[in-house]
Amino acid sequence: MNPEEILKKYAKGEKNFTGIILCEVNLSKVNLNQINLSQAVLNLTNLSEANLNGANLNGAKLNISRLTKTDLSDAKLNGANLNLTNLIEANLSNAELIEAKLIRAELIRANMSNANLKGANLAEADLREAMLKQANLELVDLHSAHLRGSCLLNSNLERANLYRANLGKADLRGANFSNAELRQANLSLSNLSKANFKGANLTEADLTGANLTGANLDSAILNSVNLHGANLYNSNLSNAVLIKADLTKSNLIHVSCEGADLTSAILTGSKLYGVSRFRINAENITCNWVDMSENGDGSKIINLTPEESRLFFDASQPIVKVTIGSPLNPDAHLALAAIYRQIYKQYNLLGLPPNIEVNYKQTKLSLQVDKDEQLFPTAYLMIYPFKVSTLTQNYFLELIKQITQFYSRTLNVRTSNRFAKIRINLYKMKRIIDELNANNTQPSQILNLKFFSSLIRINIVNSMGEDFCLTNSLDYTQVISNYLIEKGINEEHLVNSFVDTQQFYKSLVSFVKNFSE
């Protein structure tokens, strides 16, 4: 059957041409919409600018054919062979190409938006500037494919093979690359905002200058990846493997990297404001300086020696520990939970419940915080339910006040600013406590519970793992308890009696000096 016969039959309403053999013919600019060419052999055929909208080409062979600017929208090409086919500027929007073969096909500026290419083979295909918005590319083979400048907005590339693919300057916002293979892929200057790379393999990939803001890289493999100058603001690197990764001058502000492996990585010049450095592996890291300014504008540069760099990235989560000299019973537990819940509801503080250890003699409350600077205000709030809280809280304020007065000339600028911030935060907590007292937040039954009249000891542990006892021992509150029964006690005298050693001051200054940024 020749082209003329097909066109005549089509004009008469016949559309079923299943299995037809029609090679090396010219069908350019013809109108064959809704035609059935399933299993047809159309190799080397010219269908440029033809209208094949809604056509059935399942299993068809179109190898080395010419379909430039052809309308294949809503067409079915499942299992079709289009190897080396010219599809430049073709319209394949909403088309089905499940398990189709497009090896080394030319798809420059082709429109494949919303197309289903699940399991298709596009190895070494040329998709430069192609439109693939919301396309399904699950399990697609795109190894060594050219996708520079293409748009894959919100597309699905789950478990796709993009080994050595070129995605430079591509728009990949919201794309799903979970468990995809991206070894040695080029993603430089691409927009990967809010893309999902969970479990993906990006070993030796080039992400220079890429935009990864809000991206999910949880458990991704990024060994020897180049992230020089990349923007990872507010992204998730939890449990990611970044061995020998280059993060020079990258933006890591507010990045979550708990459990990440940064062994032998380079982070010189990276922006690290708001980054939790807890539970990460940073052995043999290279980092000469970091930018800790809130906006990443270089206004707060910290220079690091190799040893300081090791300590800077070897942080543990700061903890407030309150030891109470009696066991926690169910009634006390309920009252304590109610007070902490009220503080959280009103002020969004103490959101996570403390870890509780109880034995027959005492109770230990432990609460992790995100930053060292939160240790003092958190301890200040945690002891609020206890009888000795008021004097102990005043002790906190007096302690910080005296250190800032007596050591102001000897403290460096950074440590002095830390004490100033601690003092400001403590006064904020004092205002909260005053409001709570004014509103009678404490349950009335608390007065009758022995637990809240017990002796307490307060320890704070900074991100360097240093444990500092603010109240020396339970004996501290024993003395306070003794004073409480005396009337007319001078509160200032009581406070000063616990801050009378220079060694205590020096130890506290050293403790705060070692706070992480």
Protein backbone atom coordinates (compact mmCIF):
# COMPACT_ATOMS: atom_id res chain seq x y z
CA MET A 1 0.00 0.00 0.00
CA ASN A 2 1.43 3.36 -1.01
CA PRO A 3 0.86 6.79 0.64
CA GLU A 4 -1.82 7.82 -1.84
CA GLU A 5 -3.92 4.75 -1.13
CA ILE A 6 -3.69 5.29 2.61
CA LEU A 7 -4.74 8.91 2.30
CA LYS A 8 -7.72 7.97 0.10
CA LYS A 9 -8.94 5.30 2.51
CA TYR A 10 -8.41 7.65 5.47
CA ALA A 11 -10.39 10.36 3.67
CA LYS A 12 -13.26 7.88 3.32
CA GLY A 13 -13.27 7.27 7.09
CA GLU A 14 -11.02 4.22 7.39
CA LYS A 15 -8.54 4.64 10.24
CA ASN A 16 -7.32 1.12 11.02
CA PHE A 17 -3.99 0.47 9.34
CA THR A 18 -2.58 -1.94 11.91
CA GLY A 19 0.69 -3.62 10.91
CA ILE A 20 1.09 -1.67 7.65
CA ILE A 21 4.59 -1.53 6.14
CA LEU A 22 5.40 1.87 4.74
CA CYS A 23 9.10 2.75 4.79
CA GLU A 24 10.99 5.64 3.22
CA VAL A 25 7.89 7.54 2.11
CA ASN A 26 6.86 11.17 2.42
CA LEU A 27 3.78 11.84 4.56
CA SER A 28 4.76 15.32 5.70
CA LYS A 29 2.01 17.76 6.62
CA VAL A 30 -0.75 15.14 6.22
CA ASN A 31 -3.73 14.99 8.56
CA LEU A 32 -3.99 11.52 10.14
CA ASN A 33 -5.39 12.31 13.54
CA GLN A 34 -6.86 9.34 15.47
CA ILE A 35 -5.32 6.92 12.92
CA ASN A 36 -4.45 3.40 14.06
CA LEU A 37 -0.89 2.54 13.01
CA SER A 38 -0.18 0.07 15.79
CA GLN A 39 2.59 -2.41 14.93
CA ALA A 40 3.19 -0.50 11.66
CA VAL A 41 6.66 -0.42 10.11
CA LEU A 42 7.42 3.20 9.22
CA ASN A 43 11.21 3.33 9.34
CA LEU A 44 12.84 6.25 7.50
CA THR A 45 9.40 7.79 6.86
CA ASN A 46 8.95 11.56 6.69
CA LEU A 47 6.01 12.64 8.86
CA SER A 48 7.21 16.17 9.52
CA GLU A 49 4.47 18.60 10.52
CA ALA A 50 1.86 15.84 10.16
CA ASN A 51 -1.18 15.78 12.40
CA LEU A 52 -1.12 12.51 14.36
CA ASN A 53 -3.10 13.79 17.30
CA GLY A 54 -4.55 10.85 19.28
CA ALA A 55 -2.99 8.35 16.87
CA ASN A 56 -2.38 4.74 17.94
CA LEU A 57 1.27 3.92 17.25
CA ASN A 58 1.69 1.23 19.89
CA GLY A 59 4.53 -1.08 18.92
CA ALA A 60 5.18 0.84 15.69
CA LYS A 61 8.66 1.05 14.20
CA LEU A 62 9.68 4.59 13.34
CA ASN A 63 13.47 4.26 13.50
CA ILE A 64 15.42 7.05 11.79
CA SER A 65 12.14 8.66 10.73
CA ARG A 66 11.51 12.38 10.48
CA LEU A 67 8.77 13.81 12.72
CA THR A 68 9.89 17.42 12.99
CA LYS A 69 7.11 19.60 14.42
CA THR A 70 4.71 16.64 14.17
CA ASP A 71 1.60 16.77 16.35
CA LEU A 72 1.60 13.59 18.44
CA SER A 73 -0.36 15.03 21.34
CA ASP A 74 -2.47 12.40 23.13
CA ALA A 75 -0.94 9.74 20.84
CA LYS A 76 -0.19 6.21 22.03
CA LEU A 77 3.38 5.08 21.34
CA ASN A 78 3.73 2.38 23.99
CA GLY A 79 6.53 0.01 23.08
CA ALA A 80 7.21 1.95 19.85
CA ASN A 81 10.71 2.11 18.31
CA LEU A 82 11.88 5.65 17.58
CA ASN A 83 15.63 5.16 17.71
CA LEU A 84 17.58 7.97 15.99
CA THR A 85 14.26 9.56 15.04
CA ASN A 86 14.05 13.32 14.47
CA LEU A 87 11.36 14.69 16.79
CA ILE A 88 12.64 18.25 16.96
CA GLU A 89 9.88 20.58 18.18
CA ALA A 90 7.37 17.72 18.02
CA ASN A 91 4.27 17.93 20.21
CA LEU A 92 4.08 14.85 22.44
CA SER A 93 2.07 16.43 25.24
CA ASN A 94 -0.13 13.93 27.09
CA ALA A 95 1.25 11.15 24.88
CA GLU A 96 1.88 7.59 26.11
CA LEU A 97 5.38 6.28 25.46
CA ILE A 98 5.56 3.51 28.06
CA GLU A 99 8.66 1.39 27.41
CA ALA A 100 9.18 3.12 24.07
CA LYS A 101 12.69 3.10 22.58
CA LEU A 102 14.08 6.54 21.70
CA ILE A 103 17.81 5.78 21.77
CA ARG A 104 19.75 8.78 20.43
CA ALA A 105 16.49 10.37 19.28
CA GLU A 106 16.45 14.12 18.59
CA LEU A 107 13.89 15.81 20.81
CA ILE A 108 15.26 19.36 20.87
CA ARG A 109 12.53 21.75 22.06
CA ALA A 110 9.97 18.96 21.88
CA ASN A 111 6.88 19.31 24.08
CA MET A 112 6.41 16.22 26.26
CA SER A 113 4.45 17.82 29.09
CA ASN A 114 2.29 15.35 31.01
CA ALA A 115 3.58 12.52 28.80
CA ASN A 116 3.93 9.03 30.26
CA LEU A 117 7.38 7.63 29.46
CA LYS A 118 7.59 5.04 32.21
CA GLY A 119 10.38 2.57 31.47
CA ALA A 120 11.26 4.22 28.15
CA ASN A 121 14.81 4.12 26.79
CA LEU A 122 16.14 7.57 25.92
CA ALA A 123 19.83 6.76 26.22
CA GLU A 124 21.97 9.46 24.58
CA ALA A 125 18.81 11.23 23.36
CA ASP A 126 19.01 14.97 22.66
CA LEU A 127 16.38 16.75 24.75
CA ARG A 128 17.91 20.20 24.90
CA GLU A 129 15.35 22.82 25.83
CA ALA A 130 12.62 20.17 25.76
CA MET A 131 9.43 20.71 27.74
CA LEU A 132 8.70 17.84 30.12
CA LYS A 133 6.48 19.47 32.74
CA GLN A 134 4.82 16.90 35.00
CA ALA A 135 6.02 14.09 32.74
CA ASN A 136 6.24 10.56 34.13
CA LEU A 137 9.83 9.41 33.62
CA GLU A 138 9.85 6.67 36.22
CA LEU A 139 12.44 3.98 35.47
CA VAL A 140 13.43 5.82 32.27
CA ASP A 141 16.94 5.25 30.88
CA LEU A 142 18.43 8.66 30.19
CA HIS A 143 22.08 7.78 30.55
CA SER A 144 24.32 10.23 28.67
CA ALA A 145 21.21 12.11 27.48
CA HIS A 146 21.38 15.84 26.73
CA LEU A 147 18.80 17.81 28.71
CA ARG A 148 20.56 21.15 29.00
CA GLY A 149 18.07 23.97 29.39
CA SER A 150 15.12 21.59 29.48
CA CYS A 151 12.10 22.00 31.75
CA LEU A 152 11.10 19.07 33.98
CA LEU A 153 8.99 21.02 36.44
CA ASN A 154 7.28 18.62 38.89
CA SER A 155 8.21 15.64 36.71
CA ASN A 156 8.64 12.13 38.12
CA LEU A 157 12.10 10.59 37.61
CA GLU A 158 11.88 8.01 40.38
CA ARG A 159 14.48 5.25 39.87
CA ALA A 160 15.47 6.77 36.52
CA ASN A 161 18.96 6.22 35.10
CA LEU A 162 20.62 9.59 34.47
CA TYR A 163 24.21 8.39 34.56
CA ARG A 164 26.36 11.06 32.88
CA ALA A 165 23.26 12.94 31.72
CA ASN A 166 23.63 16.66 31.04
CA LEU A 167 20.99 18.67 32.93
CA GLY A 168 22.91 21.93 33.10
CA LYS A 169 20.70 25.02 33.45
CA ALA A 170 17.61 22.78 33.47
CA ASP A 171 14.42 23.73 35.32
CA LEU A 172 13.94 20.82 37.71
CA ARG A 173 11.84 22.50 40.38
CA GLY A 174 9.80 20.00 42.37
CA ALA A 175 11.07 17.06 40.32
CA ASN A 176 11.14 13.63 41.96
CA PHE A 177 14.56 11.96 41.66
CA SER A 178 14.06 9.53 44.55
CA ASN A 179 16.37 6.52 44.24
CA ALA A 180 17.51 7.75 40.81
CA GLU A 181 20.97 7.06 39.36
CA LEU A 182 22.76 10.38 38.75
CA ARG A 183 26.43 9.42 38.90
CA GLN A 184 28.63 11.92 37.06
CA ALA A 185 25.55 13.83 35.91
CA ASN A 186 25.90 17.52 35.06
CA LEU A 187 23.40 19.60 37.04
CA SER A 188 25.43 22.81 37.13
CA LEU A 189 23.40 26.03 37.34
CA SER A 190 20.17 24.00 37.29
CA ASN A 191 17.12 24.94 39.35
CA LEU A 192 16.38 22.09 41.73
CA SER A 193 14.29 24.01 44.21
CA LYS A 194 12.16 21.60 46.29
CA ALA A 195 13.33 18.63 44.22
CA ASN A 196 13.30 15.22 45.90
CA PHE A 197 16.60 13.29 45.80
CA LYS A 198 15.85 10.90 48.66
CA GLY A 199 18.08 7.84 48.27
CA ALA A 200 19.46 9.06 44.92
CA ASN A 201 23.04 8.37 43.86
CA LEU A 202 24.79 11.61 42.85
CA THR A 203 28.38 10.39 43.16
CA GLU A 204 30.76 12.71 41.27
CA ALA A 205 27.84 14.78 39.96
CA ASP A 206 28.43 18.43 39.09
CA LEU A 207 26.04 20.73 40.97
CA THR A 208 28.16 23.87 40.72
CA GLY A 209 26.00 26.92 41.31
CA ALA A 210 22.82 24.84 41.38
CA ASN A 211 19.71 26.05 43.23
CA LEU A 212 18.71 23.37 45.75
CA THR A 213 16.64 25.51 48.10
CA GLY A 214 14.23 23.34 50.05
CA ALA A 215 15.42 20.20 48.27
CA ASN A 216 15.18 16.81 49.96
CA LEU A 217 18.52 14.95 49.88
CA ASP A 218 17.72 12.61 52.75
CA SER A 219 19.94 9.49 52.54
CA ALA A 220 21.29 10.59 49.15
CA ILE A 221 24.79 9.50 48.08
CA LEU A 222 26.85 12.57 47.20
CA ASN A 223 30.40 11.24 47.33
CA SER A 224 32.90 13.53 45.53
CA VAL A 225 30.01 15.72 44.36
CA ASN A 226 30.80 19.29 43.33
CA LEU A 227 28.50 21.71 45.15
CA HIS A 228 30.79 24.73 44.83
CA GLY A 229 28.64 27.84 45.20
CA ALA A 230 25.41 25.82 45.28
CA ASN A 231 22.40 27.19 47.15
CA LEU A 232 21.06 24.59 49.59
CA TYR A 233 19.10 26.98 51.78
CA ASN A 234 16.61 25.14 54.00
CA SER A 235 17.33 21.80 52.31
CA ASN A 236 17.45 18.38 53.97
CA LEU A 237 20.79 16.53 54.05
CA SER A 238 19.87 14.18 56.90
CA ASN A 239 21.75 10.88 56.65
CA ALA A 240 23.27 11.94 53.32
CA VAL A 241 26.74 10.66 52.41
CA LEU A 242 29.01 13.50 51.26
CA ILE A 243 32.45 11.90 51.49
CA LYS A 244 35.00 14.14 49.71
CA ALA A 245 32.20 16.47 48.59
CA ASP A 246 33.17 20.04 47.62
CA LEU A 247 30.84 22.49 49.39
CA THR A 248 33.12 25.51 48.99
CA LYS A 249 31.16 28.77 49.34
CA SER A 250 27.85 26.88 49.29
CA ASN A 251 24.78 28.28 51.03
CA LEU A 252 23.85 25.88 53.83
CA ILE A 253 21.74 28.27 55.88
CA HIS A 254 19.07 26.39 57.87
CA VAL A 255 20.11 23.06 56.33
CA SER A 256 19.25 19.90 58.27
CA CYS A 257 22.23 17.54 58.21
CA GLU A 258 21.69 15.23 61.19
CA GLY A 259 23.41 11.91 60.55
CA ALA A 260 25.24 13.19 57.45
CA ASP A 261 28.70 11.86 56.62
CA LEU A 262 31.03 14.73 55.63
CA THR A 263 34.28 12.81 55.90
CA SER A 264 37.07 14.63 53.99
CA ALA A 265 34.58 17.18 52.63
CA ILE A 266 35.53 20.79 51.82
CA LEU A 267 33.39 23.49 53.44
CA THR A 268 35.64 26.54 53.26
CA GLY A 269 33.56 29.68 52.84
CA SER A 270 30.23 27.91 53.31
CA LYS A 271 27.30 29.75 54.90
CA LEU A 272 26.24 27.89 58.02
CA TYR A 273 23.81 30.08 59.93
CA GLY A 274 21.09 28.05 61.61
CA VAL A 275 22.77 24.71 60.83
CA SER A 276 22.63 22.05 63.51
CA ARG A 277 25.99 20.30 63.56
CA PHE A 278 24.88 17.53 65.89
CA ARG A 279 25.41 13.89 65.04
CA ILE A 280 27.37 14.43 61.83
CA ASN A 281 30.62 12.75 60.81
CA ALA A 282 33.16 15.40 59.84
CA GLU A 283 36.49 13.59 60.07
CA ASN A 284 39.38 15.13 58.07
CA ILE A 285 37.16 18.00 56.99
CA THR A 286 38.76 21.01 55.25
CA CYS A 287 37.34 24.35 56.35
CA ASN A 288 39.48 27.47 56.69
CA TRP A 289 36.59 29.84 57.35
CA VAL A 290 32.79 29.92 57.47
CA ASP A 291 30.16 32.62 57.14
CA MET A 292 27.85 32.58 60.19
CA SER A 293 25.90 35.74 59.32
CA GLU A 294 22.12 35.41 59.36
CA ASN A 295 21.73 36.53 55.75
CA GLY A 296 24.95 35.02 54.43
CA ASP A 297 26.31 38.49 53.67
CA GLY A 298 29.78 37.89 55.10
CA SER A 299 29.23 40.14 58.12
CA LYS A 300 30.17 37.35 60.54
CA ILE A 301 33.19 35.41 59.33
CA ILE A 302 34.82 32.80 61.59
CA ASN A 303 38.34 31.73 60.72
CA LEU A 304 39.24 28.19 61.73
CA THR A 305 42.49 26.36 62.22
CA PRO A 306 42.46 22.63 61.38
CA GLU A 307 41.93 21.79 65.07
CA GLU A 308 39.22 24.44 65.49
CA SER A 309 37.57 23.15 62.33
CA ARG A 310 37.49 19.63 63.77
CA LEU A 311 35.93 20.83 67.02
CA PHE A 312 33.51 23.15 65.19
CA PHE A 313 31.97 20.27 63.27
CA ASP A 314 32.21 17.71 66.08
CA ALA A 315 29.28 19.10 68.06
CA SER A 316 26.87 17.23 70.30
CA GLN A 317 23.35 18.36 71.15
CA PRO A 318 23.22 20.72 74.16
CA ILE A 319 21.26 19.35 77.11
CA VAL A 320 19.69 20.78 80.24
CA LYS A 321 19.63 18.27 83.11
CA VAL A 322 17.63 18.82 86.28
CA THR A 323 18.07 16.29 89.09
CA ILE A 324 15.31 16.22 91.72
CA GLY A 325 15.99 14.65 95.10
CA SER A 326 12.88 12.45 95.19
CA PRO A 327 11.17 9.96 92.88
CA LEU A 328 8.46 11.12 90.50
CA ASN A 329 5.02 9.72 91.34
CA PRO A 330 1.95 9.70 89.02
CA ASP A 331 0.35 12.80 90.58
CA ALA A 332 3.56 14.82 90.28
CA HIS A 333 4.08 13.55 86.75
CA LEU A 334 0.61 14.74 85.74
CA ALA A 335 1.10 18.16 87.35
CA LEU A 336 4.54 18.62 85.75
CA ALA A 337 3.20 17.70 82.30
CA ALA A 338 0.29 20.14 82.72
CA ILE A 339 2.59 23.05 83.57
CA TYR A 340 5.01 22.35 80.70
CA ARG A 341 2.04 21.98 78.33
CA GLN A 342 0.68 25.35 79.42
CA ILE A 343 4.06 27.01 78.80
CA TYR A 344 4.16 25.46 75.34
CA LYS A 345 0.60 26.53 74.47
CA GLN A 346 1.07 30.12 75.60
CA TYR A 347 4.67 30.77 74.56
CA ASN A 348 5.66 27.96 72.17
CA LEU A 349 8.49 26.99 74.55
CA LEU A 350 9.40 23.59 76.02
CA GLY A 351 7.64 21.95 73.07
CA LEU A 352 9.38 18.60 73.43
CA PRO A 353 8.81 16.71 76.69
CA PRO A 354 11.94 16.03 78.73
CA ASN A 355 13.44 12.59 79.01
CA ILE A 356 12.62 11.25 82.49
CA GLU A 357 14.66 8.76 84.52
CA VAL A 358 13.30 7.69 87.89
CA ASN A 359 14.73 5.52 90.65
CA TYR A 360 13.79 5.06 94.29
CA LYS A 361 15.90 8.05 95.38
CA GLN A 362 15.67 10.72 92.70
CA THR A 363 14.34 11.86 89.31
CA LYS A 364 16.36 13.15 86.36
CA LEU A 365 14.82 15.43 83.71
CA SER A 366 16.86 15.89 80.52
CA LEU A 367 15.86 18.21 77.68
CA GLN A 368 17.81 18.67 74.45
CA VAL A 369 17.97 22.12 72.85
CA ASP A 370 19.05 23.20 69.38
CA LYS A 371 21.63 25.82 70.34
CA ASP A 372 23.99 26.46 73.24
CA GLU A 373 22.46 29.88 73.79
CA GLN A 374 19.16 28.17 74.71
CA LEU A 375 20.68 26.33 77.70
CA PHE A 376 20.24 29.08 80.33
CA PRO A 377 16.70 30.20 79.40
CA THR A 378 15.56 26.58 79.08
CA ALA A 379 16.95 25.71 82.52
CA TYR A 380 15.27 28.86 83.85
CA LEU A 381 11.88 27.67 82.60
CA MET A 382 12.28 24.00 83.48
CA ILE A 383 12.59 24.68 87.20
CA TYR A 384 9.49 26.91 87.31
CA PRO A 385 7.22 24.28 88.99
CA PHE A 386 9.61 23.81 91.93
CA LYS A 387 9.44 25.60 95.28
CA VAL A 388 13.02 26.86 95.03
CA SER A 389 12.52 28.22 91.51
CA THR A 390 12.22 31.93 92.35
CA LEU A 391 15.47 32.16 94.30
CA THR A 392 17.26 29.92 91.84
CA GLN A 393 16.08 32.02 88.89
CA ASN A 394 17.25 35.19 90.64
CA TYR A 395 20.55 33.44 91.20
CA PHE A 396 20.83 32.90 87.43
CA LEU A 397 20.25 36.60 86.75
CA GLU A 398 22.70 37.74 89.42
CA LEU A 399 25.33 35.27 88.25
CA ILE A 400 25.29 36.51 84.64
CA LYS A 401 25.14 40.14 85.80
CA GLN A 402 28.22 39.79 87.98
CA ILE A 403 30.23 38.01 85.29
CA THR A 404 29.47 40.72 82.72
CA GLN A 405 30.50 43.37 85.26
CA PHE A 406 33.65 41.78 86.64
CA TYR A 407 34.92 40.23 83.40
CA SER A 408 33.82 42.84 80.84
CA ARG A 409 37.40 43.98 80.22
CA THR A 410 38.87 40.52 79.86
CA LEU A 411 36.18 38.89 77.72
CA ASN A 412 36.66 38.88 73.96
CA VAL A 413 33.91 40.44 71.85
CA ARG A 414 32.30 37.13 70.90
CA THR A 415 32.10 35.82 74.49
CA SER A 416 30.93 39.19 75.79
CA ASN A 417 28.13 39.20 73.23
CA ARG A 418 27.14 35.68 74.27
CA PHE A 419 26.79 36.70 77.91
CA ALA A 420 24.81 39.77 76.85
CA LYS A 421 22.47 37.56 74.82
CA ILE A 422 22.12 35.11 77.74
CA ARG A 423 21.16 38.00 80.02
CA ILE A 424 18.57 39.33 77.53
CA ASN A 425 17.06 35.85 77.12
CA LEU A 426 16.91 35.30 80.87
CA TYR A 427 14.99 38.54 81.34
CA LYS A 428 12.58 37.42 78.61
CA MET A 429 12.03 34.23 80.59
CA LYS A 430 11.57 36.27 83.77
CA ARG A 431 8.75 38.21 82.12
CA ILE A 432 7.14 34.93 81.09
CA ILE A 433 7.42 33.57 84.64
CA ASP A 434 5.90 36.79 86.00
CA GLU A 435 2.95 36.37 83.61
CA LEU A 436 2.52 32.73 84.58
CA ASN A 437 2.52 33.64 88.26
CA ALA A 438 0.04 36.44 87.65
CA ASN A 439 -2.27 33.99 85.89
CA ASN A 440 -1.88 31.32 88.61
CA THR A 441 -0.66 28.77 86.06
CA GLN A 442 0.59 26.30 88.66
CA PRO A 443 -2.11 23.77 89.67
CA SER A 444 -3.21 24.24 93.28
CA GLN A 445 -2.47 20.62 94.13
CA ILE A 446 1.22 21.24 93.45
CA LEU A 447 1.58 22.82 96.87
CA ASN A 448 0.70 19.53 98.51
CA LEU A 449 3.11 17.40 96.46
CA LYS A 450 6.40 16.63 98.14
CA PHE A 451 8.11 16.22 94.75
CA PHE A 452 8.01 19.96 94.00
CA SER A 453 9.52 20.84 97.39
CA SER A 454 12.49 18.56 96.80
CA LEU A 455 16.09 19.63 96.37
CA ILE A 456 17.27 20.13 92.80
CA ARG A 457 20.57 20.21 90.93
CA ILE A 458 20.94 21.89 87.52
CA ASN A 459 23.53 20.83 84.96
CA ILE A 460 23.93 22.19 81.44
CA VAL A 461 25.93 20.42 78.73
CA ASN A 462 27.14 22.47 75.75
CA SER A 463 27.70 21.31 72.17
CA MET A 464 31.34 20.59 73.00
CA GLY A 465 30.15 17.96 75.48
CA GLU A 466 31.27 20.03 78.52
CA ASP A 467 29.06 19.45 81.56
CA PHE A 468 28.68 22.43 83.88
CA CYS A 469 26.85 22.28 87.20
CA LEU A 470 25.14 25.61 87.77
CA THR A 471 24.15 24.86 91.34
CA ASN A 472 27.19 22.85 92.41
CA SER A 473 25.16 20.06 93.99
CA LEU A 474 21.90 19.24 95.73
CA ASP A 475 23.43 20.91 98.77
CA TYR A 476 22.82 24.24 97.05
CA THR A 477 19.09 23.88 97.30
CA GLN A 478 19.42 22.44 100.77
CA VAL A 479 20.85 25.77 101.87
CA ILE A 480 18.08 27.61 100.02
CA SER A 481 15.51 25.42 101.76
CA ASN A 482 17.04 26.28 105.10
CA TYR A 483 16.86 29.98 104.31
CA LEU A 484 13.27 29.72 103.12
CA ILE A 485 12.05 28.85 106.62
CA GLU A 486 13.69 31.96 108.03
CA LYS A 487 11.72 35.18 107.81
CA GLY A 488 13.18 38.50 106.75
CA ILE A 489 16.04 36.93 104.81
CA ASN A 490 17.99 39.30 102.58
CA GLU A 491 17.55 37.78 99.15
CA GLU A 492 20.60 39.55 97.67
CA HIS A 493 22.79 38.13 100.44
CA LEU A 494 21.40 34.69 99.73
CA VAL A 495 22.16 34.98 96.02
CA ASN A 496 25.68 36.27 96.60
CA SER A 497 26.47 33.37 98.89
CA PHE A 498 26.43 31.05 95.91
CA VAL A 499 28.55 33.09 93.51
CA ASP A 500 31.51 33.76 95.74
CA THR A 501 34.31 31.81 94.07
CA GLN A 502 36.51 33.13 91.28
CA GLN A 503 37.08 29.58 90.05
CA PHE A 504 33.36 29.16 89.50
CA TYR A 505 33.31 32.36 87.43
CA LYS A 506 36.30 31.28 85.37
CA SER A 507 34.81 27.86 84.70
CA LEU A 508 31.52 29.38 83.57
CA VAL A 509 33.29 31.89 81.29
CA SER A 510 35.24 29.02 79.71
CA PHE A 511 32.03 27.03 79.30
CA VAL A 512 30.26 29.87 77.49
CA LYS A 513 33.36 30.70 75.46
CA ASN A 514 33.13 27.22 73.94
CA PHE A 515 29.56 27.70 72.74
CA SER A 516 29.09 26.87 69.07
CA GLU A 517 27.93 29.56 66.68
